[in-house]
């Protein structure tokens, strides 16, 4: 074999070696790349494992937080009932029962709300019921007296006390005579609880007046919020609320609330004691004519020679029973209200000298003040007693009991026949405190009144 042939064979072998080396180098590079990629994947995988594990731990922690939050949210679930006293007026028979009627109204309202929630919202378990009624008590009292529902304004005070004492979360709030006071309070309370997670349902008893249509329209922008509201229709809604109530739940409690406003059924002057001084209303009947009586009770007679509304013995046999006598006066003497040097009304009655046990006994008899002290009772459905024969001492005590109920016009009252109190009977002249302290039913101005009479107001 020639040298050239050996050289050619050498070149062939060299070419194969180079190809082999190149292949090996390519394989090494590829392995290096794959190893790097593998290591990166391994790092990514380890990172993903750690991340997933962290996410799982975080998810578990979040779920625990959510469960704790739900437990807190469900810990004190409640339903709130907001009532505007102008649109939600309790039935006459409840108002007439005084404190007992207040307790009965609260219980029946609580049961009615519970039944409605049970029938319509079974997911709400054992909620507390909060009831807030905002009302102008003076306006309600005036309407009830003029409507013949009650004759004694203190009955409504007793009703309020009975309602408020029935359940810890039930309140009737007297907002006074300020315009829109009830509306403003209900508006803010409604908005506050609409977004409250603990409040599972809102019941709203309202009227046509602003701002109710506005806040209900605003709540419609969020279906979840509007779905939490139920309207209570007492006095029928007008067109403004009638169009809105289709978007909300709506119910009526006919056994609790009236379905109409209170209409006056007797002359305003008869309600003077409970509403306005008689001089600001229709004048009293002429003093030359005996006042008409709607009833003729057995303990009231008419005599021609006695002074008007005087007390005379019921018989000539020595009995201590006394009768209220209405008669035609001998002259047309004007009626007067006695006043002190400050122009404040002074009533001649020393209540403090009447034994407390006697006062309590007379209170328990539930006597009709109008019947025994003014000779007539304008309420045909009056629940108070009209049948007793009163002694002079008992009549004096009943007068004292009536004076324990504050007159709504206080020391400025100029109704000579007003039988209610104008100054605190337990307060001595010059002293601004009394036996009852801060819980006294009379306001501060009615304490420490000077009882020296220096002038009179003719009526």
Protein backbone atom coordinates (compact mmCIF):
# COMPACT_ATOMS: atom_id res chain seq x y z
CA UNK A 1 0.00 0.00 0.00
CA UNK A 2 1.34 3.32 -0.99
CA UNK A 3 1.96 6.29 1.27
CA UNK A 4 -0.82 8.19 -0.40
CA UNK A 5 -3.27 5.47 0.44
CA UNK A 6 -2.15 5.55 4.07
CA UNK A 7 -2.53 9.29 4.12
CA UNK A 8 -6.03 9.10 2.68
CA UNK A 9 -6.98 6.54 5.25
CA UNK A 10 -5.53 8.80 7.95
CA UNK A 11 -7.57 11.70 6.70
CA UNK A 12 -10.69 9.58 6.77
CA UNK A 13 -10.00 8.54 10.35
CA UNK A 14 -9.24 12.14 11.31
CA UNK A 15 -12.55 13.27 9.79
CA UNK A 16 -14.42 10.60 11.72
CA UNK A 17 -12.68 11.63 14.96
CA UNK A 18 -13.57 15.25 14.36
CA UNK A 19 -17.16 14.29 13.71
CA UNK A 20 -17.17 12.22 16.86
CA UNK A 21 -15.66 15.00 18.89
CA UNK A 22 -18.16 17.42 17.50
CA UNK A 23 -20.99 15.08 18.39
CA UNK A 24 -19.63 14.57 21.87
CA UNK A 25 -19.27 18.33 22.33
CA UNK A 26 -22.84 18.86 21.11
CA UNK A 27 -24.07 16.17 23.46
CA UNK A 28 -22.20 17.72 26.37
CA UNK A 29 -23.64 21.13 25.58
CA UNK A 30 -27.12 19.70 25.29
CA UNK A 31 -26.76 17.80 28.52
CA UNK A 32 -25.51 20.97 30.19
CA UNK A 33 -28.52 22.90 28.88
CA UNK A 34 -30.94 20.18 29.94
CA UNK A 35 -29.32 19.95 33.34
CA UNK A 36 -29.61 23.72 33.79
CA UNK A 37 -33.23 23.63 32.64
CA UNK A 38 -33.88 20.74 34.97
CA UNK A 39 -32.33 22.55 37.88
CA UNK A 40 -34.42 25.64 37.04
CA UNK A 41 -37.53 23.51 36.80
CA UNK A 42 -36.60 21.92 40.07
CA UNK A 43 -36.19 25.34 41.65
CA UNK A 44 -39.48 26.48 40.14
CA UNK A 45 -41.18 23.34 41.30
CA UNK A 46 -39.80 23.74 44.81
CA UNK A 47 -40.89 27.38 44.78
CA UNK A 48 -44.36 26.41 43.57
CA UNK A 49 -44.59 23.80 46.29
CA UNK A 50 -43.62 26.32 48.90
CA UNK A 51 -46.01 28.88 47.40
CA UNK A 52 -48.87 26.39 47.24
CA UNK A 53 -48.18 25.34 50.78
CA UNK A 54 -48.12 28.97 51.90
CA UNK A 55 -51.32 29.63 49.94
CA UNK A 56 -52.96 26.65 51.56
CA UNK A 57 -51.92 27.84 54.99
CA UNK A 58 -53.13 31.36 54.14
CA UNK A 59 -56.40 30.01 52.76
CA UNK A 60 -56.95 28.00 55.91
CA UNK A 61 -56.18 31.09 57.98
CA UNK A 62 -58.58 33.18 55.87
CA UNK A 63 -61.32 30.60 56.19
CA UNK A 64 -60.84 30.59 59.93
CA UNK A 65 -61.04 34.38 59.94
CA UNK A 66 -64.20 34.25 57.81
CA UNK A 67 -65.75 31.68 60.10
CA UNK A 68 -64.84 33.78 63.13
CA UNK A 69 -66.30 36.87 61.41
CA UNK A 70 -69.48 34.97 60.55
CA UNK A 71 -69.72 33.75 64.11
CA UNK A 72 -69.36 37.33 65.36
CA UNK A 73 -71.91 38.57 62.78
CA UNK A 74 -74.39 35.90 63.83
CA UNK A 75 -73.72 36.26 67.53
CA UNK A 76 -76.33 38.97 68.17
CA UNK A 77 -78.72 38.96 65.20
CA UNK A 78 -81.54 41.45 65.48
CA UNK A 79 -84.52 42.89 63.69
CA UNK A 80 -85.37 46.55 64.06
CA UNK A 81 -88.89 47.96 63.82
CA UNK A 82 -88.99 51.72 63.17
CA UNK A 83 -92.38 53.37 63.58
CA UNK A 84 -93.51 56.91 62.87
CA UNK A 85 -96.33 57.64 65.31
CA UNK A 86 -98.18 59.68 62.67
CA UNK A 87 -98.63 56.63 60.45
CA UNK A 88 -98.67 53.86 63.04
CA UNK A 89 -101.33 54.61 65.67
CA UNK A 90 -102.21 51.92 68.18
CA UNK A 91 -105.80 50.69 68.34
CA UNK A 92 -108.20 52.61 70.57
CA UNK A 93 -108.80 49.67 72.88
CA UNK A 94 -105.05 49.42 73.58
CA UNK A 95 -104.62 53.12 74.30
CA UNK A 96 -107.63 53.16 76.63
CA UNK A 97 -106.13 50.48 78.88
CA UNK A 98 -103.24 52.71 79.96
CA UNK A 99 -100.24 50.81 81.33
CA UNK A 100 -101.89 47.44 80.75
CA UNK A 101 -102.60 48.45 77.15
CA UNK A 102 -98.97 49.45 76.66
CA UNK A 103 -97.76 46.07 77.85
CA UNK A 104 -100.33 44.31 75.68
CA UNK A 105 -99.41 46.37 72.61
CA UNK A 106 -95.71 45.56 73.05
CA UNK A 107 -96.38 41.83 73.46
CA UNK A 108 -98.72 41.63 70.46
CA UNK A 109 -96.28 43.58 68.27
CA UNK A 110 -93.42 41.31 69.28
CA UNK A 111 -95.45 38.17 68.48
CA UNK A 112 -96.64 39.60 65.15
CA UNK A 113 -93.09 40.38 64.02
CA UNK A 114 -91.83 36.98 65.17
CA UNK A 115 -94.59 35.19 63.24
CA UNK A 116 -93.91 37.22 60.09
CA UNK A 117 -90.17 36.47 60.22
CA UNK A 118 -90.75 32.77 60.90
CA UNK A 119 -93.15 32.48 57.95
CA UNK A 120 -91.07 34.46 55.46
CA UNK A 121 -87.41 34.31 56.54
CA UNK A 122 -86.68 30.91 58.01
CA UNK A 123 -82.91 31.52 57.77
CA UNK A 124 -83.11 34.15 60.52
CA UNK A 125 -82.75 32.16 63.72
CA UNK A 126 -83.90 33.58 67.07
CA UNK A 127 -83.25 37.26 66.36
CA UNK A 128 -83.72 39.94 68.98
CA UNK A 129 -86.42 42.48 68.17
CA UNK A 130 -85.70 46.19 68.62
CA UNK A 131 -88.67 48.53 68.37
CA UNK A 132 -88.38 52.31 68.21
CA UNK A 133 -91.49 54.45 67.85
CA UNK A 134 -90.95 58.20 67.51
CA UNK A 135 -94.01 60.28 68.26
CA UNK A 136 -95.28 63.69 69.31
CA UNK A 137 -97.09 62.63 72.48
CA UNK A 138 -98.81 65.97 72.94
CA UNK A 139 -100.31 65.80 69.44
CA UNK A 140 -101.43 62.22 70.03
CA UNK A 141 -102.94 63.17 73.39
CA UNK A 142 -104.84 66.08 71.82
CA UNK A 143 -106.14 63.84 69.04
CA UNK A 144 -107.21 61.08 71.44
CA UNK A 145 -109.07 63.48 73.74
CA UNK A 146 -110.80 65.27 70.89
CA UNK A 147 -111.58 61.96 69.25
CA UNK A 148 -113.27 60.70 72.41
CA UNK A 149 -110.79 57.85 72.84
CA UNK A 150 -109.64 58.98 76.29
CA UNK A 151 -110.65 61.67 78.75
CA UNK A 152 -107.65 61.58 81.06
CA UNK A 153 -104.34 62.59 79.38
CA UNK A 154 -102.39 60.64 81.98
CA UNK A 155 -103.69 57.40 80.42
CA UNK A 156 -101.30 57.91 77.49
CA UNK A 157 -98.41 58.49 79.88
CA UNK A 158 -99.31 55.19 81.54
CA UNK A 159 -99.56 53.49 78.13
CA UNK A 160 -96.08 54.73 77.22
CA UNK A 161 -94.70 53.54 80.54
CA UNK A 162 -96.28 50.10 80.11
CA UNK A 163 -94.91 49.74 76.56
CA UNK A 164 -91.38 50.84 77.49
CA UNK A 165 -91.24 48.56 80.53
CA UNK A 166 -92.42 45.45 78.65
CA UNK A 167 -89.20 44.60 76.80
CA UNK A 168 -85.69 46.03 77.25
CA UNK A 169 -85.41 46.88 73.53
CA UNK A 170 -88.91 48.38 73.08
CA UNK A 171 -89.16 52.16 73.30
CA UNK A 172 -91.68 54.85 72.51
CA UNK A 173 -89.76 58.11 72.25
CA UNK A 174 -91.57 61.42 72.68
CA UNK A 175 -89.86 63.76 70.19
CA UNK A 176 -91.86 66.79 71.31
CA UNK A 177 -93.47 69.32 69.01
CA UNK A 178 -90.44 70.12 66.84
CA UNK A 179 -91.26 69.83 63.16
CA UNK A 180 -89.92 66.70 61.40
CA UNK A 181 -88.22 65.49 64.60
CA UNK A 182 -89.58 61.96 64.17
CA UNK A 183 -88.76 61.94 60.45
CA UNK A 184 -85.13 62.92 61.03
CA UNK A 185 -84.57 60.33 63.75
CA UNK A 186 -86.09 57.52 61.72
CA UNK A 187 -84.15 58.52 58.61
CA UNK A 188 -80.78 58.38 60.35
CA UNK A 189 -81.61 55.21 62.28
CA UNK A 190 -82.80 53.53 59.07
CA UNK A 191 -79.59 54.41 57.19
CA UNK A 192 -77.43 53.31 60.11
CA UNK A 193 -78.96 49.83 60.33
CA UNK A 194 -79.43 49.27 56.61
CA UNK A 195 -75.70 48.50 56.34
CA UNK A 196 -75.37 46.82 59.71
CA UNK A 197 -74.44 43.15 59.30
CA UNK A 198 -76.08 42.28 62.62
CA UNK A 199 -79.39 43.72 61.46
CA UNK A 200 -81.08 40.97 59.48
CA UNK A 201 -84.34 42.80 58.77
CA UNK A 202 -85.76 46.31 58.92
CA UNK A 203 -89.46 46.97 59.40
CA UNK A 204 -90.54 50.53 58.60
CA UNK A 205 -93.92 51.96 59.54
CA UNK A 206 -94.02 55.41 57.97
CA UNK A 207 -96.15 58.04 56.26
CA UNK A 208 -96.27 59.71 52.86
CA UNK A 209 -94.24 62.63 54.08
CA UNK A 210 -90.60 63.33 53.30
CA UNK A 211 -88.03 61.83 53.73
CA UNK A 212 -89.54 58.33 53.54
CA UNK A 213 -90.12 58.07 49.76
CA UNK A 214 -86.60 59.41 49.21
CA UNK A 215 -84.78 56.93 51.45
CA UNK A 216 -86.80 54.02 50.05
CA UNK A 217 -85.98 55.04 46.46
CA UNK A 218 -82.31 55.33 47.39
CA UNK A 219 -82.29 51.82 48.87
CA UNK A 220 -83.66 50.44 45.60
CA UNK A 221 -80.28 51.03 43.92
CA UNK A 222 -78.94 47.99 45.78
CA UNK A 223 -81.14 44.92 45.45
CA UNK A 224 -79.51 43.20 48.41
CA UNK A 225 -80.28 46.18 50.63
CA UNK A 226 -83.85 46.70 49.47
CA UNK A 227 -84.49 43.00 49.98
CA UNK A 228 -83.89 43.47 53.71
CA UNK A 229 -86.71 46.00 54.18
CA UNK A 230 -90.36 45.31 55.02
CA UNK A 231 -92.93 48.11 55.16
CA UNK A 232 -95.65 48.15 57.82
CA UNK A 233 -98.83 49.78 56.53
CA UNK A 234 -100.98 51.24 59.27
CA UNK A 235 -102.81 54.25 57.89
CA UNK A 236 -103.09 53.40 54.14
CA UNK A 237 -100.22 54.64 51.97
CA UNK A 238 -100.80 57.35 49.39
CA UNK A 239 -99.59 57.30 45.80
CA UNK A 240 -95.95 58.07 46.66
CA UNK A 241 -95.50 54.97 48.81
CA UNK A 242 -98.06 52.84 46.98
CA UNK A 243 -95.78 52.74 43.92
CA UNK A 244 -92.76 51.86 46.07
CA UNK A 245 -94.23 49.14 48.24
CA UNK A 246 -94.32 46.72 45.30
CA UNK A 247 -90.49 46.66 45.45
CA UNK A 248 -90.44 45.83 49.15
CA UNK A 249 -92.05 43.34 51.43
CA UNK A 250 -95.21 44.85 52.93
CA UNK A 251 -97.42 43.72 55.80
CA UNK A 252 -100.20 44.98 58.06
CA UNK A 253 -100.88 44.30 61.74
CA UNK A 254 -104.61 45.12 61.89
CA UNK A 255 -105.01 43.90 65.44
CA UNK A 256 -102.40 46.39 66.68
CA UNK A 257 -102.56 49.55 64.55
CA UNK A 258 -105.46 51.71 63.36
CA UNK A 259 -106.22 51.83 59.64
CA UNK A 260 -107.39 55.46 59.77
CA UNK A 261 -106.49 58.72 61.42
CA UNK A 262 -108.23 59.89 64.60
CA UNK A 263 -111.11 62.26 63.85
CA UNK A 264 -112.49 64.72 66.38
CA UNK A 265 -115.90 63.61 67.61
CA UNK A 266 -116.70 66.29 70.18
CA UNK A 267 -116.37 70.04 70.61
CA UNK A 268 -112.84 71.37 71.17
CA UNK A 269 -113.76 73.22 74.39
CA UNK A 270 -114.50 69.91 76.12
CA UNK A 271 -110.90 68.86 75.51
CA UNK A 272 -109.50 72.08 76.90
CA UNK A 273 -107.87 70.48 79.90
CA UNK A 274 -105.91 68.05 77.79
CA UNK A 275 -105.20 70.29 74.83
CA UNK A 276 -105.28 74.08 75.03
CA UNK A 277 -106.48 76.61 77.59
CA UNK A 278 -110.16 77.13 77.01
CA UNK A 279 -109.66 80.83 76.33
CA UNK A 280 -107.80 79.88 73.15
CA UNK A 281 -110.59 77.65 71.92
CA UNK A 282 -114.35 77.83 71.55
CA UNK A 283 -115.77 79.74 74.56
CA UNK A 284 -117.46 77.81 77.35
CA UNK A 285 -121.27 77.86 77.49
CA UNK A 286 -122.82 81.03 78.83
CA UNK A 287 -122.74 81.20 82.64
CA UNK A 288 -126.47 82.02 82.59
CA UNK A 289 -127.26 78.55 81.25
CA UNK A 290 -126.55 75.38 83.14
CA UNK A 291 -123.88 73.29 81.38
CA UNK A 292 -125.44 70.31 79.56
CA UNK A 293 -124.58 66.89 80.85
CA UNK A 294 -124.13 63.91 78.56
CA UNK A 295 -124.99 61.68 81.52
CA UNK A 296 -127.00 62.31 84.66
CA UNK A 297 -125.14 60.32 87.33
CA UNK A 298 -126.82 59.41 90.57
CA UNK A 299 -124.44 61.55 92.59
CA UNK A 300 -125.06 64.78 90.60
CA UNK A 301 -128.15 66.95 91.05
CA UNK A 302 -129.24 70.45 90.08
CA UNK A 303 -130.16 73.11 92.59
CA UNK A 304 -131.23 76.66 91.94
CA UNK A 305 -129.80 78.40 94.96
CA UNK A 306 -126.32 76.91 95.12
CA UNK A 307 -123.13 78.27 93.64
CA UNK A 308 -121.95 76.67 90.37
CA UNK A 309 -120.15 73.35 90.77
CA UNK A 310 -120.45 73.47 94.57
CA UNK A 311 -120.38 70.55 96.98
CA UNK A 312 -123.57 69.95 99.00
CA UNK A 313 -124.61 67.07 101.25
CA UNK A 314 -126.31 64.24 99.38
CA UNK A 315 -129.00 63.92 102.06
CA UNK A 316 -130.25 65.61 105.20
CA UNK A 317 -129.84 62.56 107.44
CA UNK A 318 -126.31 63.39 108.49
CA UNK A 319 -124.63 61.37 105.72
CA UNK A 320 -121.14 62.45 104.78
CA UNK A 321 -121.77 61.76 101.06
CA UNK A 322 -121.42 64.86 98.92
CA UNK A 323 -122.77 65.68 95.51
CA UNK A 324 -121.45 67.89 92.75
CA UNK A 325 -124.09 70.54 92.04
CA UNK A 326 -124.34 72.41 88.75
CA UNK A 327 -126.82 75.24 88.91
CA UNK A 328 -127.79 78.52 87.39
CA UNK A 329 -125.68 81.18 89.13
CA UNK A 330 -127.37 84.15 90.75
CA UNK A 331 -125.16 86.50 88.74
CA UNK A 332 -122.78 86.24 85.83
CA UNK A 333 -119.60 86.42 87.88
CA UNK A 334 -116.58 85.82 85.66
CA UNK A 335 -114.47 82.75 86.32
CA UNK A 336 -110.98 83.47 87.56
CA UNK A 337 -107.58 81.81 87.86
CA UNK A 338 -105.60 82.87 90.92
CA UNK A 339 -101.95 83.80 90.42
CA UNK A 340 -98.89 84.84 92.40
CA UNK A 341 -96.82 87.99 91.90
CA UNK A 342 -94.97 86.37 89.01
CA UNK A 343 -98.22 85.66 87.18
CA UNK A 344 -97.91 81.94 87.83
CA UNK A 345 -101.07 79.94 88.45
CA UNK A 346 -101.73 78.87 92.05
CA UNK A 347 -104.27 76.16 92.92
CA UNK A 348 -105.62 76.13 96.49
CA UNK A 349 -104.99 72.54 97.56
CA UNK A 350 -102.50 71.24 100.11
CA UNK A 351 -101.85 67.74 98.75
CA UNK A 352 -99.07 67.03 101.25
CA UNK A 353 -101.55 66.91 104.16
CA UNK A 354 -103.55 64.06 102.60
CA UNK A 355 -102.39 60.64 103.92
CA UNK A 356 -100.43 58.72 101.32
CA UNK A 357 -102.36 55.51 101.97
CA UNK A 358 -105.61 57.33 101.22
CA UNK A 359 -104.16 58.68 97.97
CA UNK A 360 -103.11 55.16 96.97
CA UNK A 361 -106.55 53.78 97.85
CA UNK A 362 -108.33 56.34 95.68
CA UNK A 363 -105.91 55.68 92.81
CA UNK A 364 -106.75 51.98 92.90
CA UNK A 365 -110.46 52.74 92.54
CA UNK A 366 -109.86 53.99 88.96
CA UNK A 367 -112.44 56.77 89.28
CA UNK A 368 -113.30 58.95 86.30
CA UNK A 369 -111.89 62.41 86.97
CA UNK A 370 -114.14 64.07 84.40
CA UNK A 371 -117.28 62.53 85.85
CA UNK A 372 -116.66 63.26 89.51
CA UNK A 373 -114.75 66.55 89.23
CA UNK A 374 -116.45 68.20 86.24
CA UNK A 375 -119.85 66.53 86.26
CA UNK A 376 -119.69 64.83 82.86
CA UNK A 377 -117.66 62.24 81.02
CA UNK A 378 -117.44 62.80 77.25
CA UNK A 379 -116.21 59.28 76.53
CA UNK A 380 -119.01 56.76 76.06
CA UNK A 381 -116.44 53.95 76.21
CA UNK A 382 -114.73 55.17 79.38
CA UNK A 383 -113.26 52.29 81.41
CA UNK A 384 -113.17 54.23 84.68
CA UNK A 385 -115.71 54.00 87.49
CA UNK A 386 -118.76 56.33 87.46
CA UNK A 387 -120.93 54.52 89.99
CA UNK A 388 -119.51 55.33 93.41
CA UNK A 389 -120.84 57.75 96.00
CA UNK A 390 -117.93 59.84 97.22
CA UNK A 391 -117.58 61.45 100.61
CA UNK A 392 -116.26 64.98 100.90
CA UNK A 393 -112.87 63.61 101.97
CA UNK A 394 -112.77 61.18 99.05
CA UNK A 395 -113.68 63.92 96.60
CA UNK A 396 -110.90 66.08 98.03
CA UNK A 397 -108.45 63.20 97.67
CA UNK A 398 -109.56 62.58 94.07
CA UNK A 399 -108.95 66.26 93.38
CA UNK A 400 -105.46 65.84 94.81
CA UNK A 401 -104.87 62.73 92.68
CA UNK A 402 -105.90 64.64 89.55
CA UNK A 403 -103.48 67.44 90.50
CA UNK A 404 -100.67 64.88 90.49
CA UNK A 405 -100.93 64.67 86.70
CA UNK A 406 -99.09 67.63 85.11
CA UNK A 407 -101.14 69.95 82.96
CA UNK A 408 -99.47 70.31 79.59
CA UNK A 409 -99.69 74.10 79.84
CA UNK A 410 -98.16 74.31 83.29
CA UNK A 411 -98.18 77.56 85.20
CA UNK A 412 -99.51 79.49 82.20
CA UNK A 413 -102.78 77.54 82.02
CA UNK A 414 -105.78 79.88 82.18
CA UNK A 415 -108.56 77.30 82.15
CA UNK A 416 -110.42 77.83 85.46
CA UNK A 417 -111.90 74.32 85.28
CA UNK A 418 -108.59 72.58 84.63
CA UNK A 419 -108.36 69.78 87.16
CA UNK A 420 -104.73 68.79 86.52
CA UNK A 421 -101.59 69.92 88.29
CA UNK A 422 -99.75 73.14 87.50
CA UNK A 423 -97.05 72.90 90.15
CA UNK A 424 -95.42 69.91 91.81
CA UNK A 425 -97.55 68.99 94.86
CA UNK A 426 -94.47 67.63 96.65
CA UNK A 427 -92.38 70.79 96.23
CA UNK A 428 -92.31 73.53 98.86
CA UNK A 429 -92.19 77.21 97.85
CA UNK A 430 -88.67 78.35 97.08
CA UNK A 431 -87.27 74.79 96.84
CA UNK A 432 -86.37 73.48 93.41
CA UNK A 433 -86.39 69.83 94.43
CA UNK A 434 -88.97 67.40 95.72
CA UNK A 435 -89.49 63.89 97.06
CA UNK A 436 -89.28 62.36 93.55
CA UNK A 437 -86.04 64.06 92.51
CA UNK A 438 -85.07 63.70 88.85
CA UNK A 439 -87.90 61.21 88.22
CA UNK A 440 -90.61 63.76 89.04
CA UNK A 441 -93.28 64.07 86.35
CA UNK A 442 -93.35 67.86 86.76
CA UNK A 443 -90.68 69.95 85.04
CA UNK A 444 -88.18 72.15 86.87
CA UNK A 445 -90.27 75.32 86.47
CA UNK A 446 -93.14 73.68 88.36
CA UNK A 447 -91.06 73.37 91.53
CA UNK A 448 -90.59 75.97 94.27
CA UNK A 449 -93.58 78.03 93.08
CA UNK A 450 -94.64 80.97 95.28
CA UNK A 451 -98.15 80.15 96.56
CA UNK A 452 -99.05 83.65 97.77
CA UNK A 453 -102.00 84.82 95.69
CA UNK A 454 -101.81 88.49 94.70
CA UNK A 455 -103.92 88.70 91.56
CA UNK A 456 -106.40 86.82 89.41
CA UNK A 457 -106.94 86.32 85.72
CA UNK A 458 -110.55 86.68 84.62
CA UNK A 459 -111.66 84.21 82.00
